[in-house]
N, C-alpha and C. Protein backbone atom coordinates (compact mmCIF):
# COMPACT_ATOMS: atom_id res chain seq x y z
N UNK A 1 168.85 190.56 -178.24
CA UNK A 1 167.67 189.95 -177.67
C UNK A 1 167.84 188.44 -177.68
N UNK A 2 167.49 187.82 -176.55
CA UNK A 2 167.59 186.38 -176.44
C UNK A 2 166.25 185.74 -176.80
N UNK A 3 166.31 184.70 -177.58
CA UNK A 3 165.10 183.99 -177.95
C UNK A 3 164.78 182.91 -176.94
N UNK A 4 165.81 182.37 -176.35
CA UNK A 4 165.62 181.25 -175.44
C UNK A 4 166.03 181.69 -174.04
N UNK A 5 165.07 181.77 -173.15
CA UNK A 5 165.34 182.13 -171.77
C UNK A 5 164.99 180.92 -170.91
N UNK A 6 165.97 180.11 -170.59
CA UNK A 6 165.66 178.89 -169.85
C UNK A 6 165.24 179.18 -168.42
N UNK A 7 164.28 178.44 -167.98
CA UNK A 7 163.87 178.46 -166.58
C UNK A 7 164.60 177.29 -165.93
N UNK A 8 165.64 177.56 -165.19
CA UNK A 8 166.51 176.51 -164.69
C UNK A 8 166.07 175.96 -163.34
N UNK A 9 164.77 175.92 -163.09
CA UNK A 9 164.27 175.40 -161.83
C UNK A 9 164.30 173.88 -161.78
N UNK A 10 164.33 173.22 -162.92
CA UNK A 10 164.33 171.77 -162.90
C UNK A 10 164.92 171.23 -164.19
N UNK A 11 165.19 169.95 -164.19
CA UNK A 11 165.69 169.29 -165.39
C UNK A 11 164.63 169.30 -166.49
N UNK A 12 163.36 169.28 -166.09
CA UNK A 12 162.29 169.31 -167.06
C UNK A 12 162.29 170.61 -167.86
N UNK A 13 162.62 171.72 -167.21
CA UNK A 13 162.64 172.98 -167.91
C UNK A 13 163.79 173.02 -168.92
N UNK A 14 164.91 172.34 -168.60
CA UNK A 14 166.01 172.28 -169.54
C UNK A 14 165.62 171.50 -170.79
N UNK A 15 164.75 170.53 -170.61
CA UNK A 15 164.30 169.72 -171.74
C UNK A 15 163.10 170.32 -172.45
N UNK A 16 162.62 171.46 -171.97
CA UNK A 16 161.49 172.12 -172.60
C UNK A 16 160.16 171.50 -172.23
N UNK A 17 160.13 170.81 -171.12
CA UNK A 17 158.90 170.15 -170.68
C UNK A 17 158.46 170.73 -169.35
N UNK A 18 157.25 170.45 -169.03
CA UNK A 18 156.76 170.83 -167.72
C UNK A 18 156.93 169.65 -166.78
N UNK A 19 156.99 169.93 -165.51
CA UNK A 19 157.15 168.87 -164.52
C UNK A 19 155.91 167.99 -164.52
N UNK A 20 156.06 166.70 -164.22
CA UNK A 20 154.91 165.81 -164.19
C UNK A 20 153.94 166.21 -163.08
N UNK A 21 152.67 166.04 -163.36
CA UNK A 21 151.65 166.35 -162.38
C UNK A 21 151.58 165.24 -161.34
N UNK A 22 151.36 165.62 -160.11
CA UNK A 22 151.24 164.62 -159.05
C UNK A 22 149.78 164.50 -158.64
N UNK A 23 149.44 163.34 -158.15
CA UNK A 23 148.08 163.11 -157.70
C UNK A 23 147.86 163.80 -156.36
N UNK A 24 146.61 164.06 -155.99
CA UNK A 24 146.35 164.66 -154.68
C UNK A 24 146.87 163.81 -153.52
N UNK A 25 146.79 162.48 -153.66
CA UNK A 25 147.29 161.60 -152.60
C UNK A 25 148.80 161.74 -152.46
N UNK A 26 149.51 161.82 -153.58
CA UNK A 26 150.96 161.99 -153.53
C UNK A 26 151.33 163.35 -152.95
N UNK A 27 150.57 164.37 -153.31
CA UNK A 27 150.82 165.71 -152.76
C UNK A 27 150.61 165.71 -151.25
N UNK A 28 149.57 165.02 -150.77
CA UNK A 28 149.32 164.92 -149.34
C UNK A 28 150.47 164.21 -148.64
N UNK A 29 150.95 163.11 -149.24
CA UNK A 29 152.06 162.36 -148.67
C UNK A 29 153.33 163.20 -148.63
N UNK A 30 153.55 163.96 -149.69
CA UNK A 30 154.71 164.84 -149.73
C UNK A 30 154.67 165.84 -148.59
N UNK A 31 153.50 166.41 -148.35
CA UNK A 31 153.36 167.38 -147.27
C UNK A 31 153.54 166.72 -145.90
N UNK A 32 153.10 165.48 -145.77
CA UNK A 32 153.28 164.77 -144.50
C UNK A 32 154.77 164.54 -144.23
N UNK A 33 155.51 164.17 -145.26
CA UNK A 33 156.95 163.96 -145.12
C UNK A 33 157.63 165.29 -144.79
N UNK A 34 157.25 166.34 -145.51
CA UNK A 34 157.83 167.66 -145.27
C UNK A 34 157.60 168.08 -143.82
N UNK A 35 156.37 167.89 -143.33
CA UNK A 35 156.06 168.28 -141.95
C UNK A 35 156.89 167.49 -140.95
N UNK A 36 157.08 166.21 -141.21
CA UNK A 36 157.88 165.40 -140.29
C UNK A 36 159.33 165.90 -140.26
N UNK A 37 159.86 166.23 -141.41
CA UNK A 37 161.23 166.72 -141.48
C UNK A 37 161.37 168.07 -140.76
N UNK A 38 160.41 168.96 -140.98
CA UNK A 38 160.45 170.27 -140.33
C UNK A 38 160.26 170.14 -138.82
N UNK A 39 159.35 169.25 -138.41
CA UNK A 39 159.14 169.04 -136.97
C UNK A 39 160.37 168.43 -136.30
N UNK A 40 161.08 167.59 -137.03
CA UNK A 40 162.32 167.02 -136.50
C UNK A 40 163.31 168.14 -136.20
N UNK A 41 163.37 169.12 -137.10
CA UNK A 41 164.28 170.24 -136.88
C UNK A 41 163.81 171.15 -135.75
N UNK A 42 162.53 171.48 -135.74
CA UNK A 42 162.04 172.43 -134.73
C UNK A 42 162.02 171.83 -133.34
N UNK A 43 161.87 170.52 -133.23
CA UNK A 43 161.84 169.87 -131.91
C UNK A 43 163.14 170.07 -131.15
N UNK A 44 164.23 170.22 -131.87
CA UNK A 44 165.52 170.40 -131.20
C UNK A 44 166.14 171.77 -131.50
N UNK A 45 165.35 172.67 -132.07
CA UNK A 45 165.78 174.05 -132.27
C UNK A 45 166.73 174.29 -133.42
N UNK A 46 166.74 173.42 -134.41
CA UNK A 46 167.66 173.59 -135.54
C UNK A 46 167.18 174.61 -136.57
N UNK A 47 165.91 175.02 -136.50
CA UNK A 47 165.42 175.97 -137.50
C UNK A 47 166.14 177.32 -137.40
N UNK A 48 166.70 177.62 -136.23
CA UNK A 48 167.42 178.88 -136.04
C UNK A 48 168.91 178.73 -136.32
N UNK A 49 169.48 177.61 -135.94
CA UNK A 49 170.92 177.41 -136.16
C UNK A 49 171.25 176.90 -137.56
N UNK A 50 170.27 176.31 -138.24
CA UNK A 50 170.47 175.78 -139.60
C UNK A 50 169.35 176.27 -140.53
N UNK A 51 169.18 177.58 -140.71
CA UNK A 51 168.04 178.07 -141.49
C UNK A 51 168.08 177.66 -142.96
N UNK A 52 169.27 177.47 -143.53
CA UNK A 52 169.35 177.09 -144.94
C UNK A 52 168.77 175.70 -145.17
N UNK A 53 168.98 174.79 -144.23
CA UNK A 53 168.41 173.44 -144.34
C UNK A 53 166.90 173.51 -144.16
N UNK A 54 166.45 174.28 -143.19
CA UNK A 54 165.02 174.45 -142.95
C UNK A 54 164.33 174.99 -144.20
N UNK A 55 164.92 175.98 -144.83
CA UNK A 55 164.32 176.56 -146.04
C UNK A 55 164.35 175.60 -147.23
N UNK A 56 165.43 174.83 -147.33
CA UNK A 56 165.49 173.85 -148.43
C UNK A 56 164.36 172.83 -148.31
N UNK A 57 164.10 172.38 -147.09
CA UNK A 57 163.00 171.44 -146.87
C UNK A 57 161.66 172.13 -147.10
N UNK A 58 161.51 173.31 -146.55
CA UNK A 58 160.24 174.04 -146.65
C UNK A 58 159.86 174.32 -148.10
N UNK A 59 160.82 174.66 -148.92
CA UNK A 59 160.54 175.04 -150.31
C UNK A 59 160.78 173.93 -151.32
N UNK A 60 161.01 172.71 -150.87
CA UNK A 60 161.22 171.58 -151.79
C UNK A 60 160.00 171.41 -152.69
N UNK A 61 160.24 171.20 -153.97
CA UNK A 61 159.17 171.13 -154.97
C UNK A 61 158.41 169.81 -154.96
N UNK A 62 159.09 168.71 -154.66
CA UNK A 62 158.45 167.40 -154.77
C UNK A 62 159.11 166.42 -153.80
N UNK A 63 158.63 165.20 -153.85
CA UNK A 63 159.11 164.18 -152.91
C UNK A 63 160.58 163.84 -153.15
N UNK A 64 161.03 163.90 -154.40
CA UNK A 64 162.43 163.62 -154.68
C UNK A 64 163.34 164.71 -154.12
N UNK A 65 162.90 165.95 -154.18
CA UNK A 65 163.69 167.04 -153.59
C UNK A 65 163.79 166.86 -152.08
N UNK A 66 162.71 166.39 -151.47
CA UNK A 66 162.76 166.11 -150.03
C UNK A 66 163.70 164.94 -149.74
N UNK A 67 163.69 163.94 -150.61
CA UNK A 67 164.58 162.79 -150.43
C UNK A 67 166.04 163.24 -150.41
N UNK A 68 166.39 164.11 -151.34
CA UNK A 68 167.77 164.58 -151.39
C UNK A 68 168.09 165.57 -150.27
N UNK A 69 167.09 166.22 -149.72
CA UNK A 69 167.30 167.14 -148.59
C UNK A 69 167.60 166.38 -147.30
N UNK A 70 167.32 165.07 -147.28
CA UNK A 70 167.63 164.26 -146.11
C UNK A 70 169.11 164.34 -145.74
N UNK A 71 169.97 164.40 -146.74
CA UNK A 71 171.40 164.45 -146.44
C UNK A 71 171.76 165.74 -145.69
N UNK A 72 171.14 166.84 -146.07
CA UNK A 72 171.36 168.10 -145.35
C UNK A 72 170.81 168.01 -143.93
N UNK A 73 169.66 167.38 -143.80
CA UNK A 73 169.07 167.20 -142.47
C UNK A 73 169.97 166.32 -141.61
N UNK A 74 170.49 165.28 -142.19
CA UNK A 74 171.42 164.38 -141.47
C UNK A 74 172.64 165.15 -140.99
N UNK A 75 173.21 165.96 -141.86
CA UNK A 75 174.39 166.75 -141.50
C UNK A 75 174.08 167.72 -140.37
N UNK A 76 172.93 168.39 -140.46
CA UNK A 76 172.54 169.35 -139.42
C UNK A 76 172.32 168.64 -138.08
N UNK A 77 171.63 167.52 -138.11
CA UNK A 77 171.38 166.78 -136.88
C UNK A 77 172.69 166.26 -136.27
N UNK A 78 173.56 165.73 -137.11
CA UNK A 78 174.83 165.18 -136.63
C UNK A 78 175.73 166.26 -136.06
N UNK A 79 175.71 167.43 -136.66
CA UNK A 79 176.58 168.50 -136.16
C UNK A 79 176.15 168.99 -134.79
N UNK A 80 174.86 168.88 -134.48
CA UNK A 80 174.35 169.37 -133.20
C UNK A 80 174.27 168.27 -132.13
N UNK A 81 173.95 167.03 -132.55
CA UNK A 81 173.65 165.99 -131.56
C UNK A 81 174.38 164.67 -131.77
N UNK A 82 175.27 164.60 -132.72
CA UNK A 82 176.03 163.38 -132.94
C UNK A 82 175.43 162.50 -134.03
N UNK A 83 176.27 161.67 -134.58
CA UNK A 83 175.87 160.85 -135.73
C UNK A 83 174.86 159.76 -135.39
N UNK A 84 174.98 159.12 -134.25
CA UNK A 84 174.03 158.04 -133.93
C UNK A 84 172.62 158.62 -133.74
N UNK A 85 172.51 159.76 -133.10
CA UNK A 85 171.21 160.43 -132.95
C UNK A 85 170.64 160.78 -134.32
N UNK A 86 171.49 161.33 -135.18
CA UNK A 86 171.06 161.73 -136.52
C UNK A 86 170.60 160.52 -137.34
N UNK A 87 171.32 159.41 -137.24
CA UNK A 87 170.94 158.22 -138.00
C UNK A 87 169.60 157.68 -137.55
N UNK A 88 169.33 157.72 -136.26
CA UNK A 88 168.03 157.26 -135.77
C UNK A 88 166.90 158.13 -136.31
N UNK A 89 167.08 159.44 -136.28
CA UNK A 89 166.05 160.37 -136.78
C UNK A 89 165.86 160.21 -138.28
N UNK A 90 166.94 160.07 -139.02
CA UNK A 90 166.85 159.93 -140.47
C UNK A 90 166.18 158.60 -140.83
N UNK A 91 166.41 157.55 -140.06
CA UNK A 91 165.74 156.27 -140.31
C UNK A 91 164.23 156.43 -140.16
N UNK A 92 163.79 157.20 -139.16
CA UNK A 92 162.35 157.45 -138.99
C UNK A 92 161.78 158.26 -140.15
N UNK A 93 162.51 159.29 -140.53
CA UNK A 93 162.06 160.13 -141.65
C UNK A 93 162.04 159.31 -142.93
N UNK A 94 163.07 158.52 -143.16
CA UNK A 94 163.17 157.73 -144.40
C UNK A 94 162.06 156.72 -144.53
N UNK A 95 161.56 156.21 -143.41
CA UNK A 95 160.47 155.24 -143.47
C UNK A 95 159.19 155.86 -144.03
N UNK A 96 159.06 157.17 -143.94
CA UNK A 96 157.87 157.85 -144.47
C UNK A 96 157.87 157.95 -146.00
N UNK A 97 159.00 157.67 -146.62
CA UNK A 97 159.12 157.74 -148.08
C UNK A 97 158.65 156.47 -148.77
N UNK A 98 158.30 155.42 -147.99
CA UNK A 98 157.89 154.14 -148.58
C UNK A 98 156.73 154.32 -149.55
N UNK A 99 156.91 153.81 -150.75
CA UNK A 99 155.88 153.85 -151.76
C UNK A 99 155.77 155.18 -152.50
N UNK A 100 156.61 156.14 -152.17
CA UNK A 100 156.52 157.46 -152.81
C UNK A 100 157.64 157.71 -153.81
N UNK A 101 158.66 156.87 -153.80
CA UNK A 101 159.84 157.07 -154.64
C UNK A 101 160.03 155.91 -155.59
N UNK A 102 160.77 156.16 -156.69
CA UNK A 102 161.14 155.04 -157.55
C UNK A 102 162.00 154.05 -156.77
N UNK A 103 162.01 152.81 -157.20
CA UNK A 103 162.75 151.78 -156.47
C UNK A 103 164.24 152.06 -156.41
N UNK A 104 164.77 152.82 -157.37
CA UNK A 104 166.20 153.13 -157.35
C UNK A 104 166.58 154.06 -156.21
N UNK A 105 165.61 154.74 -155.61
CA UNK A 105 165.88 155.66 -154.51
C UNK A 105 165.46 155.12 -153.16
N UNK A 106 165.20 153.84 -153.07
CA UNK A 106 164.74 153.26 -151.81
C UNK A 106 165.81 153.38 -150.73
N UNK A 107 165.33 153.55 -149.51
CA UNK A 107 166.20 153.63 -148.34
C UNK A 107 166.60 152.24 -147.91
N UNK A 108 167.88 152.08 -147.67
CA UNK A 108 168.38 150.81 -147.13
C UNK A 108 168.88 151.06 -145.72
N UNK A 109 168.35 150.30 -144.80
CA UNK A 109 168.69 150.44 -143.38
C UNK A 109 170.17 150.16 -143.18
N UNK A 110 170.90 151.05 -142.47
CA UNK A 110 172.30 150.75 -142.17
C UNK A 110 172.39 149.47 -141.35
N UNK A 111 173.40 148.64 -141.57
CA UNK A 111 173.50 147.33 -140.91
C UNK A 111 173.47 147.41 -139.39
N UNK A 112 174.05 148.42 -138.80
CA UNK A 112 174.10 148.49 -137.34
C UNK A 112 172.78 148.92 -136.72
N UNK A 113 171.81 149.36 -137.54
CA UNK A 113 170.50 149.76 -137.00
C UNK A 113 169.46 148.67 -137.18
N UNK A 114 169.83 147.56 -137.81
CA UNK A 114 168.84 146.48 -138.04
C UNK A 114 168.48 145.76 -136.79
């Protein structure tokens, strides 16, 4: 019999803590970002050709999970429509993260898009 059954859904569970609670405003902002990312995919039909990316965004737990899902979205967009198209879309999505992330995760505009 095991005494310790870790719930490996997050780093907080490994530390024996619960995830921090988010405010209703932050939860609303998270959903707005999620919707923008999903709409970006559905507008060009990627939800069928890239279902794993769509599900990762759809089931992301928090704003940081969505931030890291941007790289998958970038890859999916670039594979279907080219890198310059993907960079433009990701720049729009990334602008929605303003004020929602720690400063260490801030988006920096690529030099050629300035």
